[in-house]
Amino acid sequence: MAKGPEKNTKNKALHTKLLNRKKAKIQEEKKEKALRMKALVAKMNEMNQQKNMTNLTQNNFMSFIFLSS
């Protein structure tokens, strides 16, 4: 029985290698994006916390002035 032409395993192996590189690159970009977003959220939370602290101190100062008058 005739087997037919040989399979081109060299190109298939290269194609698989390239696809695996592409997948790894995409995963790495997702991880980097997640880290950037995490850092951004942490920075925003820190800024909000500082803002809340300044508002509290201003409110306490204003109430002190109001009560002492």
PDB file of N, CA and C in Angstrom:
ATOM      1  N   MET A   1       0.835  -1.178   0.000  1.00  0.00           N
ATOM      2  CA  MET A   1       0.000   0.000   0.000  1.00  0.00           C
ATOM      3  C   MET A   1       0.883   1.247   0.000  1.00  0.00           C
ATOM      4  N   ALA A   2       0.565   2.231  -0.806  1.00  0.00           N
ATOM      5  CA  ALA A   2       1.352   3.462  -0.923  1.00  0.00           C
ATOM      6  C   ALA A   2       1.110   4.348   0.285  1.00  0.00           C
ATOM      7  N   LYS A   3       2.190   4.932   0.768  1.00  0.00           N
ATOM      8  CA  LYS A   3       2.097   5.767   1.972  1.00  0.00           C
ATOM      9  C   LYS A   3       1.832   7.239   1.651  1.00  0.00           C
ATOM     10  N   GLY A   4       2.194   7.703   0.506  1.00  0.00           N
ATOM     11  CA  GLY A   4       2.002   9.105   0.168  1.00  0.00           C
ATOM     12  C   GLY A   4       3.243   9.913   0.495  1.00  0.00           C
ATOM     13  N   PRO A   5       3.183  11.223   0.320  1.00  0.00           N
ATOM     14  CA  PRO A   5       4.372  12.055   0.542  1.00  0.00           C
ATOM     15  C   PRO A   5       4.739  12.125   2.032  1.00  0.00           C
ATOM     16  N   GLU A   6       6.012  12.411   2.295  1.00  0.00           N
ATOM     17  CA  GLU A   6       6.478  12.553   3.669  1.00  0.00           C
ATOM     18  C   GLU A   6       5.904  13.836   4.283  1.00  0.00           C
ATOM     19  N   LYS A   7       5.709  13.799   5.564  1.00  0.00           N
ATOM     20  CA  LYS A   7       5.210  14.990   6.258  1.00  0.00           C
ATOM     21  C   LYS A   7       6.365  15.958   6.487  1.00  0.00           C
ATOM     22  N   ASN A   8       6.038  17.219   6.440  1.00  0.00           N
ATOM     23  CA  ASN A   8       7.048  18.251   6.643  1.00  0.00           C
ATOM     24  C   ASN A   8       7.088  18.588   8.136  1.00  0.00           C
ATOM     25  N   THR A   9       7.833  17.805   8.891  1.00  0.00           N
ATOM     26  CA  THR A   9       7.876  18.001  10.340  1.00  0.00           C
ATOM     27  C   THR A   9       8.746  19.185  10.732  1.00  0.00           C
ATOM     28  N   LYS A  10       9.694  19.566   9.878  1.00  0.00           N
ATOM     29  CA  LYS A  10      10.576  20.689  10.205  1.00  0.00           C
ATOM     30  C   LYS A  10       9.775  21.993  10.288  1.00  0.00           C
ATOM     31  N   ASN A  11       8.945  22.281   9.295  1.00  0.00           N
ATOM     32  CA  ASN A  11       8.141  23.510   9.324  1.00  0.00           C
ATOM     33  C   ASN A  11       7.127  23.467  10.456  1.00  0.00           C
ATOM     34  N   LYS A  12       6.573  22.283  10.706  1.00  0.00           N
ATOM     35  CA  LYS A  12       5.590  22.158  11.778  1.00  0.00           C
ATOM     36  C   LYS A  12       6.247  22.456  13.131  1.00  0.00           C
ATOM     37  N   ALA A  13       7.464  21.959  13.318  1.00  0.00           N
ATOM     38  CA  ALA A  13       8.179  22.210  14.570  1.00  0.00           C
ATOM     39  C   ALA A  13       8.491  23.700  14.719  1.00  0.00           C
ATOM     40  N   LEU A  14       8.898  24.352  13.649  1.00  0.00           N
ATOM     41  CA  LEU A  14       9.181  25.788  13.715  1.00  0.00           C
ATOM     42  C   LEU A  14       7.917  26.581  14.011  1.00  0.00           C
ATOM     43  N   HIS A  15       6.828  26.172  13.393  1.00  0.00           N
ATOM     44  CA  HIS A  15       5.560  26.858  13.612  1.00  0.00           C
ATOM     45  C   HIS A  15       5.133  26.728  15.076  1.00  0.00           C
ATOM     46  N   THR A  16       5.263  25.540  15.619  1.00  0.00           N
ATOM     47  CA  THR A  16       4.909  25.321  17.023  1.00  0.00           C
ATOM     48  C   THR A  16       5.792  26.170  17.932  1.00  0.00           C
ATOM     49  N   LYS A  17       7.085  26.222  17.611  1.00  0.00           N
ATOM     50  CA  LYS A  17       8.019  27.021  18.409  1.00  0.00           C
ATOM     51  C   LYS A  17       7.619  28.490  18.392  1.00  0.00           C
ATOM     52  N   LEU A  18       7.268  28.994  17.213  1.00  0.00           N
ATOM     53  CA  LEU A  18       6.866  30.400  17.107  1.00  0.00           C
ATOM     54  C   LEU A  18       5.561  30.662  17.860  1.00  0.00           C
ATOM     55  N   LEU A  19       4.620  29.737  17.750  1.00  0.00           N
ATOM     56  CA  LEU A  19       3.359  29.909  18.471  1.00  0.00           C
ATOM     57  C   LEU A  19       3.584  29.903  19.979  1.00  0.00           C
ATOM     58  N   ASN A  20       4.467  29.038  20.445  1.00  0.00           N
ATOM     59  CA  ASN A  20       4.763  29.005  21.879  1.00  0.00           C
ATOM     60  C   ASN A  20       5.421  30.301  22.336  1.00  0.00           C
ATOM     61  N   ARG A  21       6.301  30.867  21.514  1.00  0.00           N
ATOM     62  CA  ARG A  21       6.901  32.166  21.841  1.00  0.00           C
ATOM     63  C   ARG A  21       5.832  33.246  21.938  1.00  0.00           C
ATOM     64  N   LYS A  22       4.906  33.231  20.982  1.00  0.00           N
ATOM     65  CA  LYS A  22       3.841  34.233  20.957  1.00  0.00           C
ATOM     66  C   LYS A  22       2.971  34.113  22.200  1.00  0.00           C
ATOM     67  N   LYS A  23       2.622  32.884  22.563  1.00  0.00           N
ATOM     68  CA  LYS A  23       1.801  32.667  23.756  1.00  0.00           C
ATOM     69  C   LYS A  23       2.530  33.138  25.012  1.00  0.00           C
ATOM     70  N   ALA A  24       3.834  32.833  25.092  1.00  0.00           N
ATOM     71  CA  ALA A  24       4.622  33.251  26.257  1.00  0.00           C
ATOM     72  C   ALA A  24       4.699  34.771  26.333  1.00  0.00           C
ATOM     73  N   LYS A  25       4.859  35.426  25.182  1.00  0.00           N
ATOM     74  CA  LYS A  25       4.933  36.886  25.147  1.00  0.00           C
ATOM     75  C   LYS A  25       3.618  37.510  25.609  1.00  0.00           C
ATOM     76  N   ILE A  26       2.511  36.952  25.154  1.00  0.00           N
ATOM     77  CA  ILE A  26       1.197  37.466  25.554  1.00  0.00           C
ATOM     78  C   ILE A  26       0.992  37.290  27.056  1.00  0.00           C
ATOM     79  N   GLN A  27       1.375  36.128  27.593  1.00  0.00           N
ATOM     80  CA  GLN A  27       1.239  35.894  29.031  1.00  0.00           C
ATOM     81  C   GLN A  27       2.100  36.881  29.825  1.00  0.00           C
ATOM     82  N   GLU A  28       3.307  37.127  29.351  1.00  0.00           N
ATOM     83  CA  GLU A  28       4.201  38.071  30.022  1.00  0.00           C
ATOM     84  C   GLU A  28       3.611  39.481  30.004  1.00  0.00           C
ATOM     85  N   GLU A  29       3.038  39.882  28.875  1.00  0.00           N
ATOM     86  CA  GLU A  29       2.405  41.203  28.789  1.00  0.00           C
ATOM     87  C   GLU A  29       1.227  41.308  29.737  1.00  0.00           C
ATOM     88  N   LYS A  30       0.462  40.232  29.875  1.00  0.00           N
ATOM     89  CA  LYS A  30      -0.673  40.241  30.806  1.00  0.00           C
ATOM     90  C   LYS A  30      -0.191  40.393  32.245  1.00  0.00           C
ATOM     91  N   LYS A  31       0.897  39.689  32.582  1.00  0.00           N
ATOM     92  CA  LYS A  31       1.431  39.797  33.938  1.00  0.00           C
ATOM     93  C   LYS A  31       1.931  41.209  34.209  1.00  0.00           C
ATOM     94  N   GLU A  32       2.643  41.797  33.242  1.00  0.00           N
ATOM     95  CA  GLU A  32       3.153  43.152  33.412  1.00  0.00           C
ATOM     96  C   GLU A  32       2.011  44.153  33.563  1.00  0.00           C
ATOM     97  N   LYS A  33       0.965  43.978  32.767  1.00  0.00           N
ATOM     98  CA  LYS A  33      -0.185  44.879  32.853  1.00  0.00           C
ATOM     99  C   LYS A  33      -0.856  44.757  34.213  1.00  0.00           C
ATOM    100  N   ALA A  34      -0.976  43.528  34.701  1.00  0.00           N
ATOM    101  CA  ALA A  34      -1.587  43.313  36.011  1.00  0.00           C
ATOM    102  C   ALA A  34      -0.757  43.979  37.105  1.00  0.00           C
ATOM    103  N   LEU A  35       0.561  43.873  37.015  1.00  0.00           N
ATOM    104  CA  LEU A  35       1.422  44.518  38.009  1.00  0.00           C
ATOM    105  C   LEU A  35       1.308  46.032  37.952  1.00  0.00           C
ATOM    106  N   ARG A  36       1.236  46.592  36.722  1.00  0.00           N
ATOM    107  CA  ARG A  36       1.076  48.046  36.592  1.00  0.00           C
ATOM    108  C   ARG A  36      -0.252  48.502  37.192  1.00  0.00           C
ATOM    109  N   MET A  37      -1.303  47.739  36.913  1.00  0.00           N
ATOM    110  CA  MET A  37      -2.612  48.096  37.449  1.00  0.00           C
ATOM    111  C   MET A  37      -2.625  47.997  38.977  1.00  0.00           C
ATOM    112  N   LYS A  38      -1.971  46.972  39.504  1.00  0.00           N
ATOM    113  CA  LYS A  38      -1.909  46.796  40.948  1.00  0.00           C
ATOM    114  C   LYS A  38      -1.171  47.971  41.592  1.00  0.00           C
ATOM    115  N   ALA A  39      -0.068  48.394  40.976  1.00  0.00           N
ATOM    116  CA  ALA A  39       0.689  49.526  41.490  1.00  0.00           C
ATOM    117  C   ALA A  39      -0.134  50.811  41.406  1.00  0.00           C
ATOM    118  N   LEU A  40      -0.856  50.983  40.312  1.00  0.00           N
ATOM    119  CA  LEU A  40      -1.679  52.172  40.139  1.00  0.00           C
ATOM    120  C   LEU A  40      -2.791  52.230  41.183  1.00  0.00           C
ATOM    121  N   VAL A  41      -3.434  51.110  41.426  1.00  0.00           N
ATOM    122  CA  VAL A  41      -4.500  51.055  42.433  1.00  0.00           C
ATOM    123  C   VAL A  41      -3.928  51.353  43.813  1.00  0.00           C
ATOM    124  N   ALA A  42      -2.759  50.799  44.119  1.00  0.00           N
ATOM    125  CA  ALA A  42      -2.134  51.051  45.413  1.00  0.00           C
ATOM    126  C   ALA A  42      -1.818  52.539  45.567  1.00  0.00           C
ATOM    127  N   LYS A  43      -1.314  53.152  44.509  1.00  0.00           N
ATOM    128  CA  LYS A  43      -0.991  54.582  44.553  1.00  0.00           C
ATOM    129  C   LYS A  43      -2.259  55.416  44.746  1.00  0.00           C
ATOM    130  N   MET A  44      -3.315  55.063  44.041  1.00  0.00           N
ATOM    131  CA  MET A  44      -4.575  55.802  44.185  1.00  0.00           C
ATOM    132  C   MET A  44      -5.134  55.655  45.603  1.00  0.00           C
ATOM    133  N   ASN A  45      -5.061  54.439  46.151  1.00  0.00           N
ATOM    134  CA  ASN A  45      -5.536  54.227  47.519  1.00  0.00           C
ATOM    135  C   ASN A  45      -4.716  55.046  48.505  1.00  0.00           C
ATOM    136  N   GLU A  46      -3.410  55.111  48.284  1.00  0.00           N
ATOM    137  CA  GLU A  46      -2.545  55.894  49.158  1.00  0.00           C
ATOM    138  C   GLU A  46      -2.900  57.379  49.070  1.00  0.00           C
ATOM    139  N   MET A  47      -3.132  57.861  47.860  1.00  0.00           N
ATOM    140  CA  MET A  47      -3.495  59.272  47.690  1.00  0.00           C
ATOM    141  C   MET A  47      -4.834  59.570  48.359  1.00  0.00           C
ATOM    142  N   ASN A  48      -5.795  58.652  48.209  1.00  0.00           N
ATOM    143  CA  ASN A  48      -7.101  58.850  48.842  1.00  0.00           C
ATOM    144  C   ASN A  48      -6.971  58.849  50.361  1.00  0.00           C
ATOM    145  N   GLN A  49      -6.108  57.975  50.869  1.00  0.00           N
ATOM    146  CA  GLN A  49      -5.904  57.923  52.310  1.00  0.00           C
ATOM    147  C   GLN A  49      -5.289  59.220  52.808  1.00  0.00           C
ATOM    148  N   GLN A  50      -4.311  59.749  52.086  1.00  0.00           N
ATOM    149  CA  GLN A  50      -3.691  61.015  52.476  1.00  0.00           C
ATOM    150  C   GLN A  50      -4.708  62.151  52.405  1.00  0.00           C
ATOM    151  N   LYS A  51      -5.540  62.128  51.382  1.00  0.00           N
ATOM    152  CA  LYS A  51      -6.564  63.164  51.222  1.00  0.00           C
ATOM    153  C   LYS A  51      -7.543  63.108  52.392  1.00  0.00           C
ATOM    154  N   ASN A  52      -7.942  61.906  52.766  1.00  0.00           N
ATOM    155  CA  ASN A  52      -8.864  61.752  53.891  1.00  0.00           C
ATOM    156  C   ASN A  52      -8.230  62.228  55.188  1.00  0.00           C
ATOM    157  N   MET A  53      -6.948  61.971  55.369  1.00  0.00           N
ATOM    158  CA  MET A  53      -6.263  62.413  56.584  1.00  0.00           C
ATOM    159  C   MET A  53      -6.199  63.942  56.632  1.00  0.00           C
ATOM    160  N   THR A  54      -5.922  64.589  55.508  1.00  0.00           N
ATOM    161  CA  THR A  54      -5.855  66.051  55.510  1.00  0.00           C
ATOM    162  C   THR A  54      -7.241  66.634  55.756  1.00  0.00           C
ATOM    163  N   ASN A  55      -8.271  66.001  55.201  1.00  0.00           N
ATOM    164  CA  ASN A  55      -9.630  66.486  55.454  1.00  0.00           C
ATOM    165  C   ASN A  55      -9.991  66.339  56.920  1.00  0.00           C
ATOM    166  N   LEU A  56      -9.581  65.242  57.536  1.00  0.00           N
ATOM    167  CA  LEU A  56      -9.874  65.058  58.953  1.00  0.00           C
ATOM    168  C   LEU A  56      -9.167  66.094  59.800  1.00  0.00           C
ATOM    169  N   THR A  57      -7.912  66.362  59.499  1.00  0.00           N
ATOM    170  CA  THR A  57      -7.181  67.350  60.295  1.00  0.00           C
ATOM    171  C   THR A  57      -7.759  68.745  60.088  1.00  0.00           C
ATOM    172  N   GLN A  58      -8.169  69.069  58.872  1.00  0.00           N
ATOM    173  CA  GLN A  58      -8.778  70.373  58.618  1.00  0.00           C
ATOM    174  C   GLN A  58     -10.109  70.487  59.351  1.00  0.00           C
ATOM    175  N   ASN A  59     -10.907  69.415  59.324  1.00  0.00           N
ATOM    176  CA  ASN A  59     -12.191  69.441  60.015  1.00  0.00           C
ATOM    177  C   ASN A  59     -11.995  69.569  61.520  1.00  0.00           C
ATOM    178  N   ASN A  60     -11.018  68.870  62.062  1.00  0.00           N
ATOM    179  CA  ASN A  60     -10.743  68.976  63.500  1.00  0.00           C
ATOM    180  C   ASN A  60     -10.276  70.390  63.856  1.00  0.00           C
ATOM    181  N   PHE A  61      -9.449  70.977  63.026  1.00  0.00           N
ATOM    182  CA  PHE A  61      -8.968  72.327  63.264  1.00  0.00           C
ATOM    183  C   PHE A  61     -10.119  73.327  63.218  1.00  0.00           C
ATOM    184  N   MET A  62     -11.007  73.175  62.211  1.00  0.00           N
ATOM    185  CA  MET A  62     -12.148  74.073  62.082  1.00  0.00           C
ATOM    186  C   MET A  62     -13.085  73.918  63.278  1.00  0.00           C
ATOM    187  N   SER A  63     -13.316  72.708  63.715  1.00  0.00           N
ATOM    188  CA  SER A  63     -14.202  72.518  64.865  1.00  0.00           C
ATOM    189  C   SER A  63     -13.558  73.075  66.147  1.00  0.00           C
ATOM    190  N   PHE A  64     -12.247  72.978  66.253  1.00  0.00           N
ATOM    191  CA  PHE A  64     -11.528  73.552  67.401  1.00  0.00           C
ATOM    192  C   PHE A  64     -11.683  75.066  67.408  1.00  0.00           C
ATOM    193  N   ILE A  65     -11.527  75.693  66.232  1.00  0.00           N
ATOM    194  CA  ILE A  65     -11.689  77.152  66.138  1.00  0.00           C
ATOM    195  C   ILE A  65     -13.130  77.543  66.470  1.00  0.00           C
ATOM    196  N   PHE A  66     -14.072  76.793  65.961  1.00  0.00           N
ATOM    197  CA  PHE A  66     -15.475  77.088  66.187  1.00  0.00           C
ATOM    198  C   PHE A  66     -15.824  76.953  67.667  1.00  0.00           C
ATOM    199  N   LEU A  67     -15.331  75.887  68.291  1.00  0.00           N
ATOM    200  CA  LEU A  67     -15.642  75.664  69.709  1.00  0.00           C
ATOM    201  C   LEU A  67     -14.928  76.663  70.617  1.00  0.00           C
ATOM    202  N   SER A  68     -13.755  77.099  70.229  1.00  0.00           N
ATOM    203  CA  SER A  68     -13.005  78.017  71.093  1.00  0.00           C
ATOM    204  C   SER A  68     -13.493  79.460  70.956  1.00  0.00           C
ATOM    205  N   SER A  69     -14.295  79.794  69.953  1.00  0.00           N
ATOM    206  CA  SER A  69     -14.756  81.168  69.778  1.00  0.00           C
ATOM    207  C   SER A  69     -15.820  81.547  70.744  1.00  0.00           C
TER     208      SER A  69
END
